[in-house]
């Protein structure tokens, strides 16, 4: 579950991406963050534009605090459900809170052996994820450099 949590932006089989449901063509349901009213919109627009400009203001309270819901097939919904409803998910939530408290409020806390093991695994998984991300970023930069060099060679050959 930790592995999936750290990589949730890569879980979507349709688009993935850092913009979550804004990148998903199947995500069309929105709700008002103020009153909870829900409706479906035809177009959610690009991720860099406020969604209310496409979905409109809330018909109930005229708020512009509109949130795009994930599509029904989104695997992140299952992950969120597991985090809230399974014993492992609730323990993970406990570990995340404990991790935050230990880092930000360093007082003498009593930590069980199970929690200490969980925190160690959480730390290891975060480190693995950071290494993967760094390798991926390096590969992307190298690919961009190769493409740029090829374009420069082609440009030089054309003249």
Foldseek 3Di string as FASTA:
>chain_A
DLLCVLQVQQQDPPARHDLAQQPPQQFFKKAAPPPGDIDGFNHQDHSVDQRCVRRNADPPPRHSRMGTDHHPPRVVVVVVCCLPPPPVNVVVVVLVVVVVCCVPPVDDDDDDPVSVVVVVVSVVSVVVSVVVVVVVVVVVVVVVVVVVVVVVVVVVVVD
